[in-house]
Amino acid sequence: WRIYNIGNNRSIEISRLVELLEGEFGRKAEIELLPMQPGDVAETCA
């Protein structure tokens, strides 16, 4: 029996993901900032 992580070993901020999507679609996103959701974690990195 074995366990492995399968991840990219790189962590990025969610806001950076939005910037990349904005660039691909060529339009700015309307953003609503909210506190952490129950069950979520602040950061993941494998």
All heavy atoms as atom14 arrays in JSON, in Angstrom:
{
  "sequence": "WRIYNIGNNRSIEISRLVELLEGEFGRKAEIELLPMQPGDVAETCA",
  "atom14_mask": [
    [1, 1, 1, 1, 1, 1, 1, 1, 1, 1, 1, 1, 1, 1],
    [1, 1, 1, 1, 1, 1, 1, 1, 1, 1, 1, 0, 0, 0],
    [1, 1, 1, 1, 1, 1, 1, 1, 0, 0, 0, 0, 0, 0],
    [1, 1, 1, 1, 1, 1, 1, 1, 1, 1, 1, 1, 0, 0],
    [1, 1, 1, 1, 1, 1, 1, 1, 0, 0, 0, 0, 0, 0],
    [1, 1, 1, 1, 1, 1, 1, 1, 0, 0, 0, 0, 0, 0],
    [1, 1, 1, 1, 0, 0, 0, 0, 0, 0, 0, 0, 0, 0],
    [1, 1, 1, 1, 1, 1, 1, 1, 0, 0, 0, 0, 0, 0],
    [1, 1, 1, 1, 1, 1, 1, 1, 0, 0, 0, 0, 0, 0],
    [1, 1, 1, 1, 1, 1, 1, 1, 1, 1, 1, 0, 0, 0],
    [1, 1, 1, 1, 1, 1, 0, 0, 0, 0, 0, 0, 0, 0],
    [1, 1, 1, 1, 1, 1, 1, 1, 0, 0, 0, 0, 0, 0],
    [1, 1, 1, 1, 1, 1, 1, 1, 1, 0, 0, 0, 0, 0],
    [1, 1, 1, 1, 1, 1, 1, 1, 0, 0, 0, 0, 0, 0],
    [1, 1, 1, 1, 1, 1, 0, 0, 0, 0, 0, 0, 0, 0],
    [1, 1, 1, 1, 1, 1, 1, 1, 1, 1, 1, 0, 0, 0],
    [1, 1, 1, 1, 1, 1, 1, 1, 0, 0, 0, 0, 0, 0],
    [1, 1, 1, 1, 1, 1, 1, 0, 0, 0, 0, 0, 0, 0],
    [1, 1, 1, 1, 1, 1, 1, 1, 1, 0, 0, 0, 0, 0],
    [1, 1, 1, 1, 1, 1, 1, 1, 0, 0, 0, 0, 0, 0],
    [1, 1, 1, 1, 1, 1, 1, 1, 0, 0, 0, 0, 0, 0],
    [1, 1, 1, 1, 1, 1, 1, 1, 1, 0, 0, 0, 0, 0],
    [1, 1, 1, 1, 0, 0, 0, 0, 0, 0, 0, 0, 0, 0],
    [1, 1, 1, 1, 1, 1, 1, 1, 1, 0, 0, 0, 0, 0],
    [1, 1, 1, 1, 1, 1, 1, 1, 1, 1, 1, 0, 0, 0],
    [1, 1, 1, 1, 0, 0, 0, 0, 0, 0, 0, 0, 0, 0],
    [1, 1, 1, 1, 1, 1, 1, 1, 1, 1, 1, 0, 0, 0],
    [1, 1, 1, 1, 1, 1, 1, 1, 1, 0, 0, 0, 0, 0],
    [1, 1, 1, 1, 1, 0, 0, 0, 0, 0, 0, 0, 0, 0],
    [1, 1, 1, 1, 1, 1, 1, 1, 1, 0, 0, 0, 0, 0],
    [1, 1, 1, 1, 1, 1, 1, 1, 0, 0, 0, 0, 0, 0],
    [1, 1, 1, 1, 1, 1, 1, 1, 1, 0, 0, 0, 0, 0],
    [1, 1, 1, 1, 1, 1, 1, 1, 0, 0, 0, 0, 0, 0],
    [1, 1, 1, 1, 1, 1, 1, 1, 0, 0, 0, 0, 0, 0],
    [1, 1, 1, 1, 1, 1, 1, 0, 0, 0, 0, 0, 0, 0],
    [1, 1, 1, 1, 1, 1, 1, 1, 0, 0, 0, 0, 0, 0],
    [1, 1, 1, 1, 1, 1, 1, 1, 1, 0, 0, 0, 0, 0],
    [1, 1, 1, 1, 1, 1, 1, 0, 0, 0, 0, 0, 0, 0],
    [1, 1, 1, 1, 0, 0, 0, 0, 0, 0, 0, 0, 0, 0],
    [1, 1, 1, 1, 1, 1, 1, 1, 0, 0, 0, 0, 0, 0],
    [1, 1, 1, 1, 1, 1, 1, 0, 0, 0, 0, 0, 0, 0],
    [1, 1, 1, 1, 1, 0, 0, 0, 0, 0, 0, 0, 0, 0],
    [1, 1, 1, 1, 1, 1, 1, 1, 1, 0, 0, 0, 0, 0],
    [1, 1, 1, 1, 1, 1, 1, 0, 0, 0, 0, 0, 0, 0],
    [1, 1, 1, 1, 1, 1, 0, 0, 0, 0, 0, 0, 0, 0],
    [1, 1, 1, 1, 1, 0, 0, 0, 0, 0, 0, 0, 0, 0]
  ],
  "atom14_positions": [
    [[0.86, -1.19, 0.0], [0.0, 0.0, 0.0], [0.89, 1.24, 0.0], [1.87, 1.3, 0.74], [-0.88, -0.05, 1.24], [-1.73, 1.15, 1.55], [-3.04, 1.33, 1.21], [-1.37, 2.3, 2.31], [-3.51, 2.53, 1.71], [-2.5, 3.14, 2.39], [-0.18, 2.71, 2.93], [-2.49, 4.36, 3.07], [-0.17, 3.93, 3.61], [-1.32, 4.74, 3.67]],
    [[0.57, 2.21, -0.86], [1.34, 3.44, -0.93], [0.42, 4.63, -1.18], [-0.68, 4.48, -1.71], [2.39, 3.38, -2.06], [3.46, 2.31, -1.9], [4.39, 2.59, -0.72], [5.42, 1.57, -0.6], [5.3, 0.44, 0.09], [4.16, 0.16, 0.72], [6.29, -0.43, 0.16], [0.0, 0.0, 0.0], [0.0, 0.0, 0.0], [0.0, 0.0, 0.0]],
    [[0.91, 5.81, -0.8], [0.19, 7.07, -1.05], [1.13, 8.03, -1.77], [2.31, 8.14, -1.42], [-0.26, 7.72, 0.28], [-1.32, 6.85, 0.97], [-0.83, 9.12, 0.03], [-2.66, 6.79, 0.28], [0.0, 0.0, 0.0], [0.0, 0.0, 0.0], [0.0, 0.0, 0.0], [0.0, 0.0, 0.0], [0.0, 0.0, 0.0], [0.0, 0.0, 0.0]],
    [[0.6, 8.72, -2.79], [1.37, 9.74, -3.51], [0.56, 11.03, -3.67], [-0.68, 10.98, -3.8], [1.73, 9.26, -4.93], [2.67, 8.09, -4.98], [2.19, 6.78, -5.1], [4.05, 8.27, -4.92], [3.05, 5.7, -5.15], [4.92, 7.19, -4.98], [4.42, 5.91, -5.09], [5.27, 4.84, -5.15], [0.0, 0.0, 0.0], [0.0, 0.0, 0.0]],
    [[1.25, 12.14, -3.65], [0.66, 13.41, -4.1], [0.81, 13.5, -5.61], [1.86, 13.15, -6.17], [1.41, 14.61, -3.5], [1.09, 14.84, -2.05], [0.02, 14.46, -1.55], [2.01, 15.48, -1.34], [0.0, 0.0, 0.0], [0.0, 0.0, 0.0], [0.0, 0.0, 0.0], [0.0, 0.0, 0.0], [0.0, 0.0, 0.0], [0.0, 0.0, 0.0]],
    [[-0.23, 14.0, -6.28], [-0.1, 14.37, -7.69], [-0.51, 15.82, -7.8], [-1.7, 16.17, -7.85], [-0.93, 13.47, -8.62], [-0.44, 12.03, -8.53], [-0.84, 13.97, -10.05], [-0.92, 11.11, -9.61], [0.0, 0.0, 0.0], [0.0, 0.0, 0.0], [0.0, 0.0, 0.0], [0.0, 0.0, 0.0], [0.0, 0.0, 0.0], [0.0, 0.0, 0.0]],
    [[0.5, 16.68, -7.78], [0.29, 18.13, -7.84], [1.4, 18.78, -8.63], [2.35, 18.11, -9.06], [0.0, 0.0, 0.0], [0.0, 0.0, 0.0], [0.0, 0.0, 0.0], [0.0, 0.0, 0.0], [0.0, 0.0, 0.0], [0.0, 0.0, 0.0], [0.0, 0.0, 0.0], [0.0, 0.0, 0.0], [0.0, 0.0, 0.0], [0.0, 0.0, 0.0]],
    [[1.28, 20.07, -8.82], [2.22, 20.8, -9.65], [3.44, 21.31, -8.88], [4.38, 21.81, -9.48], [1.5, 21.99, -10.31], [2.14, 22.44, -11.6], [2.67, 21.63, -12.35], [2.12, 23.73, -11.86], [0.0, 0.0, 0.0], [0.0, 0.0, 0.0], [0.0, 0.0, 0.0], [0.0, 0.0, 0.0], [0.0, 0.0, 0.0], [0.0, 0.0, 0.0]],
    [[3.37, 21.2, -7.53], [4.46, 21.66, -6.67], [4.67, 23.17, -6.79], [5.74, 23.69, -6.52], [5.76, 20.91, -7.0], [6.85, 21.12, -5.95], [8.03, 21.31, -6.28], [6.48, 21.08, -4.69], [0.0, 0.0, 0.0], [0.0, 0.0, 0.0], [0.0, 0.0, 0.0], [0.0, 0.0, 0.0], [0.0, 0.0, 0.0], [0.0, 0.0, 0.0]],
    [[3.6, 23.88, -7.23], [3.63, 25.35, -7.31], [2.28, 25.87, -6.88], [1.25, 25.38, -7.32], [3.92, 25.83, -8.74], [5.27, 25.42, -9.28], [5.43, 25.88, -10.73], [6.7, 25.46, -11.31], [6.91, 24.27, -11.87], [5.91, 23.41, -11.94], [8.08, 23.94, -12.36], [0.0, 0.0, 0.0], [0.0, 0.0, 0.0], [0.0, 0.0, 0.0]],
    [[2.29, 26.88, -6.03], [1.06, 27.45, -5.53], [0.89, 28.87, -6.05], [1.85, 29.66, -6.03], [1.09, 27.46, -4.0], [-0.1, 27.99, -3.47], [0.0, 0.0, 0.0], [0.0, 0.0, 0.0], [0.0, 0.0, 0.0], [0.0, 0.0, 0.0], [0.0, 0.0, 0.0], [0.0, 0.0, 0.0], [0.0, 0.0, 0.0], [0.0, 0.0, 0.0]],
    [[-0.29, 29.2, -6.56], [-0.54, 30.57, -7.02], [-1.78, 31.13, -6.34], [-2.68, 30.39, -5.93], [-0.71, 30.66, -8.56], [-2.03, 30.01, -9.0], [0.46, 30.08, -9.29], [-2.5, 30.5, -10.34], [0.0, 0.0, 0.0], [0.0, 0.0, 0.0], [0.0, 0.0, 0.0], [0.0, 0.0, 0.0], [0.0, 0.0, 0.0], [0.0, 0.0, 0.0]],
    [[-1.83, 32.45, -6.22], [-2.98, 33.11, -5.62], [-4.16, 33.06, -6.6], [-3.98, 33.2, -7.81], [-2.63, 34.55, -5.28], [-3.55, 35.19, -4.26], [-2.96, 36.46, -3.67], [-3.16, 37.52, -4.3], [-2.3, 36.4, -2.6], [0.0, 0.0, 0.0], [0.0, 0.0, 0.0], [0.0, 0.0, 0.0], [0.0, 0.0, 0.0], [0.0, 0.0, 0.0]],
    [[-5.35, 32.87, -6.06], [-6.55, 32.78, -6.89], [-6.72, 34.03, -7.75], [-7.17, 33.95, -8.9], [-7.8, 32.56, -6.02], [-7.71, 31.23, -5.27], [-9.07, 32.61, -6.85], [-7.77, 30.01, -6.16], [0.0, 0.0, 0.0], [0.0, 0.0, 0.0], [0.0, 0.0, 0.0], [0.0, 0.0, 0.0], [0.0, 0.0, 0.0], [0.0, 0.0, 0.0]],
    [[-6.34, 35.18, -7.22], [-6.46, 36.42, -7.99], [-5.59, 36.37, -9.25], [-5.94, 36.97, -10.28], [-6.08, 37.62, -7.14], [-4.77, 37.49, -6.62], [0.0, 0.0, 0.0], [0.0, 0.0, 0.0], [0.0, 0.0, 0.0], [0.0, 0.0, 0.0], [0.0, 0.0, 0.0], [0.0, 0.0, 0.0], [0.0, 0.0, 0.0], [0.0, 0.0, 0.0]],
    [[-4.48, 35.64, -9.21], [-3.63, 35.48, -10.39], [-4.34, 34.65, -11.46], [-4.25, 34.94, -12.66], [-2.31, 34.82, -10.0], [-1.39, 34.44, -11.17], [-1.02, 35.62, -12.03], [-0.12, 35.24, -13.12], [0.05, 35.92, -14.23], [-0.62, 37.06, -14.42], [0.88, 35.5, -15.17], [0.0, 0.0, 0.0], [0.0, 0.0, 0.0], [0.0, 0.0, 0.0]],
    [[-5.06, 33.63, -11.03], [-5.86, 32.84, -11.97], [-6.87, 33.74, -12.68], [-7.04, 33.63, -13.91], [-6.59, 31.73, -11.22], [-7.66, 30.96, -12.02], [-7.03, 30.21, -13.19], [-8.42, 30.01, -11.11], [0.0, 0.0, 0.0], [0.0, 0.0, 0.0], [0.0, 0.0, 0.0], [0.0, 0.0, 0.0], [0.0, 0.0, 0.0], [0.0, 0.0, 0.0]],
    [[-7.52, 34.62, -11.95], [-8.49, 35.53, -12.56], [-7.82, 36.43, -13.59], [-8.34, 36.65, -14.69], [-9.2, 36.38, -11.48], [-10.12, 37.42, -12.13], [-9.99, 35.49, -10.54], [0.0, 0.0, 0.0], [0.0, 0.0, 0.0], [0.0, 0.0, 0.0], [0.0, 0.0, 0.0], [0.0, 0.0, 0.0], [0.0, 0.0, 0.0], [0.0, 0.0, 0.0]],
    [[-6.63, 36.92, -13.27], [-5.89, 37.78, -14.22], [-5.6, 37.03, -15.52], [-5.72, 37.6, -16.61], [-4.57, 38.25, -13.59], [-4.73, 39.24, -12.44], [-3.41, 39.55, -11.78], [-2.37, 38.97, -12.21], [-3.4, 40.33, -10.82], [0.0, 0.0, 0.0], [0.0, 0.0, 0.0], [0.0, 0.0, 0.0], [0.0, 0.0, 0.0], [0.0, 0.0, 0.0]],
    [[-5.19, 35.78, -15.4], [-4.89, 34.99, -16.6], [-6.14, 34.78, -17.45], [-6.11, 34.87, -18.68], [-4.28, 33.65, -16.21], [-2.89, 33.71, -15.59], [-2.49, 32.34, -15.05], [-1.86, 34.18, -16.61], [0.0, 0.0, 0.0], [0.0, 0.0, 0.0], [0.0, 0.0, 0.0], [0.0, 0.0, 0.0], [0.0, 0.0, 0.0], [0.0, 0.0, 0.0]],
    [[-7.26, 34.5, -16.79], [-8.52, 34.32, -17.52], [-8.96, 35.62, -18.17], [-9.46, 35.63, -19.31], [-9.6, 33.79, -16.57], [-9.43, 32.33, -16.13], [-10.35, 32.01, -14.96], [-9.7, 31.37, -17.29], [0.0, 0.0, 0.0], [0.0, 0.0, 0.0], [0.0, 0.0, 0.0], [0.0, 0.0, 0.0], [0.0, 0.0, 0.0], [0.0, 0.0, 0.0]],
    [[-8.78, 36.73, -17.48], [-9.11, 38.04, -18.06], [-8.31, 38.27, -19.33], [-8.84, 38.75, -20.35], [-8.82, 39.16, -17.06], [-9.79, 39.23, -15.9], [-9.38, 40.26, -14.86], [-8.15, 40.5, -14.71], [-10.26, 40.82, -14.19], [0.0, 0.0, 0.0], [0.0, 0.0, 0.0], [0.0, 0.0, 0.0], [0.0, 0.0, 0.0], [0.0, 0.0, 0.0]],
    [[-7.04, 37.9, -19.29], [-6.18, 38.08, -20.46], [-6.63, 37.23, -21.62], [-6.62, 37.68, -22.78], [0.0, 0.0, 0.0], [0.0, 0.0, 0.0], [0.0, 0.0, 0.0], [0.0, 0.0, 0.0], [0.0, 0.0, 0.0], [0.0, 0.0, 0.0], [0.0, 0.0, 0.0], [0.0, 0.0, 0.0], [0.0, 0.0, 0.0], [0.0, 0.0, 0.0]],
    [[-7.06, 35.98, -21.36], [-7.49, 35.1, -22.44], [-8.82, 35.53, -23.04], [-9.04, 35.41, -24.25], [-7.6, 33.66, -21.91], [-6.28, 33.02, -21.55], [-5.33, 32.91, -22.73], [-5.8, 32.66, -23.86], [-4.11, 33.09, -22.52], [0.0, 0.0, 0.0], [0.0, 0.0, 0.0], [0.0, 0.0, 0.0], [0.0, 0.0, 0.0], [0.0, 0.0, 0.0]],
    [[-9.73, 36.05, -22.2], [-11.03, 36.49, -22.7], [-11.03, 37.93, -23.2], [-11.98, 38.36, -23.86], [-12.1, 36.32, -21.62], [-12.58, 34.91, -21.44], [-12.13, 34.13, -20.39], [-13.48, 34.36, -22.33], [-12.56, 32.82, -20.22], [-13.94, 33.05, -22.18], [-13.47, 32.28, -21.12], [0.0, 0.0, 0.0], [0.0, 0.0, 0.0], [0.0, 0.0, 0.0]],
    [[-9.97, 38.67, -22.82], [-9.88, 40.06, -23.27], [-10.9, 40.97, -22.61], [-11.34, 41.96, -23.22], [0.0, 0.0, 0.0], [0.0, 0.0, 0.0], [0.0, 0.0, 0.0], [0.0, 0.0, 0.0], [0.0, 0.0, 0.0], [0.0, 0.0, 0.0], [0.0, 0.0, 0.0], [0.0, 0.0, 0.0], [0.0, 0.0, 0.0], [0.0, 0.0, 0.0]],
    [[-11.28, 40.66, -21.39], [-12.21, 41.53, -20.65], [-11.96, 41.4, -19.15], [-11.48, 40.38, -18.68], [-13.67, 41.18, -20.97], [-14.08, 39.76, -20.59], [-15.6, 39.58, -20.61], [-16.14, 39.71, -21.94], [-17.44, 39.52, -22.21], [-18.27, 39.22, -21.23], [-17.88, 39.61, -23.45], [0.0, 0.0, 0.0], [0.0, 0.0, 0.0], [0.0, 0.0, 0.0]],
    [[-12.26, 42.46, -18.43], [-12.06, 42.47, -16.99], [-13.21, 41.78, -16.28], [-14.36, 41.8, -16.74], [-11.97, 43.92, -16.47], [-10.78, 44.69, -16.99], [-9.46, 44.13, -16.48], [-9.26, 44.42, -15.0], [-7.94, 43.9, -14.51], [0.0, 0.0, 0.0], [0.0, 0.0, 0.0], [0.0, 0.0, 0.0], [0.0, 0.0, 0.0], [0.0, 0.0, 0.0]],
    [[-12.89, 41.15, -15.18], [-13.9, 40.47, -14.37], [-14.44, 41.42, -13.31], [-13.72, 42.26, -12.78], [-13.29, 39.24, -13.7], [0.0, 0.0, 0.0], [0.0, 0.0, 0.0], [0.0, 0.0, 0.0], [0.0, 0.0, 0.0], [0.0, 0.0, 0.0], [0.0, 0.0, 0.0], [0.0, 0.0, 0.0], [0.0, 0.0, 0.0], [0.0, 0.0, 0.0]],
    [[-15.72, 41.27, -13.02], [-16.33, 41.96, -11.89], [-16.13, 41.06, -10.68], [-16.53, 39.89, -10.7], [-17.81, 42.2, -12.15], [-18.51, 42.94, -11.02], [-20.0, 43.09, -11.27], [-20.43, 42.94, -12.44], [-20.74, 43.34, -10.29], [0.0, 0.0, 0.0], [0.0, 0.0, 0.0], [0.0, 0.0, 0.0], [0.0, 0.0, 0.0], [0.0, 0.0, 0.0]],
    [[-15.5, 41.58, -9.64], [-15.07, 40.74, -8.51], [-15.78, 41.14, -7.23], [-15.89, 42.31, -6.9], [-13.54, 40.82, -8.33], [-12.83, 40.21, -9.55], [-13.11, 40.1, -7.05], [-11.35, 40.38, -9.54], [0.0, 0.0, 0.0], [0.0, 0.0, 0.0], [0.0, 0.0, 0.0], [0.0, 0.0, 0.0], [0.0, 0.0, 0.0], [0.0, 0.0, 0.0]],
    [[-16.25, 40.12, -6.5], [-16.84, 40.3, -5.18], [-15.95, 39.58, -4.17], [-15.8, 38.36, -4.23], [-18.26, 39.73, -5.16], [-18.97, 39.89, -3.84], [-20.37, 39.29, -3.84], [-20.8, 38.78, -4.9], [-21.02, 39.31, -2.77], [0.0, 0.0, 0.0], [0.0, 0.0, 0.0], [0.0, 0.0, 0.0], [0.0, 0.0, 0.0], [0.0, 0.0, 0.0]],
    [[-15.35, 40.31, -3.26], [-14.44, 39.74, -2.28], [-15.21, 39.3, -1.04], [-15.99, 40.07, -0.47], [-13.35, 40.75, -1.9], [-12.43, 41.19, -3.04], [-11.46, 42.26, -2.54], [-11.67, 40.02, -3.62], [0.0, 0.0, 0.0], [0.0, 0.0, 0.0], [0.0, 0.0, 0.0], [0.0, 0.0, 0.0], [0.0, 0.0, 0.0], [0.0, 0.0, 0.0]],
    [[-14.98, 38.05, -0.61], [-15.73, 37.46, 0.5], [-14.78, 36.74, 1.45], [-13.66, 36.38, 1.07], [-16.76, 36.46, -0.04], [-17.85, 37.04, -0.94], [-18.63, 35.92, -1.61], [-18.79, 37.93, -0.14], [0.0, 0.0, 0.0], [0.0, 0.0, 0.0], [0.0, 0.0, 0.0], [0.0, 0.0, 0.0], [0.0, 0.0, 0.0], [0.0, 0.0, 0.0]],
    [[-15.2, 36.52, 2.71], [-14.34, 35.79, 3.65], [-14.23, 34.31, 3.28], [-14.92, 33.82, 2.38], [-15.06, 35.97, 4.99], [-16.48, 36.27, 4.64], [-16.44, 37.01, 3.33], [0.0, 0.0, 0.0], [0.0, 0.0, 0.0], [0.0, 0.0, 0.0], [0.0, 0.0, 0.0], [0.0, 0.0, 0.0], [0.0, 0.0, 0.0], [0.0, 0.0, 0.0]],
    [[-13.39, 33.6, 3.99], [-13.15, 32.18, 3.74], [-14.44, 31.38, 3.92], [-15.22, 31.63, 4.82], [-12.09, 31.64, 4.71], [-11.71, 30.2, 4.51], [-10.47, 29.99, 3.25], [-8.99, 30.34, 4.21], [0.0, 0.0, 0.0], [0.0, 0.0, 0.0], [0.0, 0.0, 0.0], [0.0, 0.0, 0.0], [0.0, 0.0, 0.0], [0.0, 0.0, 0.0]],
    [[-14.64, 30.39, 3.03], [-15.77, 29.49, 3.12], [-15.5, 28.38, 4.14], [-14.36, 27.92, 4.27], [-16.01, 28.83, 1.76], [-16.7, 29.72, 0.76], [-18.21, 29.58, 0.85], [-18.86, 30.33, 1.56], [-18.74, 28.62, 0.13], [0.0, 0.0, 0.0], [0.0, 0.0, 0.0], [0.0, 0.0, 0.0], [0.0, 0.0, 0.0], [0.0, 0.0, 0.0]],
    [[-16.53, 27.92, 4.85], [-16.33, 26.76, 5.74], [-15.82, 25.56, 4.96], [-16.29, 25.27, 3.86], [-17.75, 26.5, 6.27], [-18.47, 27.8, 6.15], [-17.9, 28.45, 4.91], [0.0, 0.0, 0.0], [0.0, 0.0, 0.0], [0.0, 0.0, 0.0], [0.0, 0.0, 0.0], [0.0, 0.0, 0.0], [0.0, 0.0, 0.0], [0.0, 0.0, 0.0]],
    [[-14.84, 24.86, 5.54], [-14.29, 23.68, 4.9], [-13.11, 23.95, 3.99], [-12.41, 23.02, 3.59], [0.0, 0.0, 0.0], [0.0, 0.0, 0.0], [0.0, 0.0, 0.0], [0.0, 0.0, 0.0], [0.0, 0.0, 0.0], [0.0, 0.0, 0.0], [0.0, 0.0, 0.0], [0.0, 0.0, 0.0], [0.0, 0.0, 0.0], [0.0, 0.0, 0.0]],
    [[-12.89, 25.23, 3.63], [-11.77, 25.57, 2.75], [-10.48, 25.77, 3.54], [-10.5, 26.01, 4.75], [-12.08, 26.85, 1.97], [-12.91, 26.6, 0.73], [-13.17, 25.43, 0.43], [-13.32, 27.58, 0.08], [0.0, 0.0, 0.0], [0.0, 0.0, 0.0], [0.0, 0.0, 0.0], [0.0, 0.0, 0.0], [0.0, 0.0, 0.0], [0.0, 0.0, 0.0]],
    [[-9.36, 25.69, 2.84], [-8.06, 25.96, 3.44], [-7.42, 27.15, 2.73], [-7.79, 27.48, 1.6], [-7.12, 24.74, 3.37], [-7.72, 23.58, 4.14], [-6.85, 24.34, 1.93], [0.0, 0.0, 0.0], [0.0, 0.0, 0.0], [0.0, 0.0, 0.0], [0.0, 0.0, 0.0], [0.0, 0.0, 0.0], [0.0, 0.0, 0.0], [0.0, 0.0, 0.0]],
    [[-6.48, 27.8, 3.39], [-5.88, 29.01, 2.84], [-4.96, 28.72, 1.67], [-4.88, 29.5, 0.71], [-5.12, 29.77, 3.93], [0.0, 0.0, 0.0], [0.0, 0.0, 0.0], [0.0, 0.0, 0.0], [0.0, 0.0, 0.0], [0.0, 0.0, 0.0], [0.0, 0.0, 0.0], [0.0, 0.0, 0.0], [0.0, 0.0, 0.0], [0.0, 0.0, 0.0]],
    [[-4.24, 27.59, 1.72], [-3.25, 27.31, 0.67], [-3.02, 25.82, 0.54], [-3.09, 25.07, 1.52], [-1.93, 28.01, 1.0], [-0.85, 27.81, -0.05], [0.4, 28.65, 0.2], [0.42, 29.4, 1.19], [1.33, 28.56, -0.62], [0.0, 0.0, 0.0], [0.0, 0.0, 0.0], [0.0, 0.0, 0.0], [0.0, 0.0, 0.0], [0.0, 0.0, 0.0]],
    [[-2.76, 25.38, -0.69], [-2.32, 24.01, -0.94], [-1.08, 24.03, -1.82], [-0.94, 24.89, -2.69], [-3.41, 23.17, -1.64], [-3.65, 23.68, -2.95], [-4.7, 23.16, -0.84], [0.0, 0.0, 0.0], [0.0, 0.0, 0.0], [0.0, 0.0, 0.0], [0.0, 0.0, 0.0], [0.0, 0.0, 0.0], [0.0, 0.0, 0.0], [0.0, 0.0, 0.0]],
    [[-0.2, 23.1, -1.57], [0.99, 22.93, -2.4], [1.52, 21.52, -2.17], [1.67, 21.1, -1.01], [2.06, 23.97, -2.05], [3.52, 23.89, -3.12], [0.0, 0.0, 0.0], [0.0, 0.0, 0.0], [0.0, 0.0, 0.0], [0.0, 0.0, 0.0], [0.0, 0.0, 0.0], [0.0, 0.0, 0.0], [0.0, 0.0, 0.0], [0.0, 0.0, 0.0]],
    [[1.78, 20.8, -3.25], [2.15, 19.39, -3.14], [3.65, 19.19, -3.15], [4.36, 19.74, -4.0], [1.54, 18.61, -4.31], [0.0, 0.0, 0.0], [0.0, 0.0, 0.0], [0.0, 0.0, 0.0], [0.0, 0.0, 0.0], [0.0, 0.0, 0.0], [0.0, 0.0, 0.0], [0.0, 0.0, 0.0], [0.0, 0.0, 0.0], [0.0, 0.0, 0.0]]
  ]
}
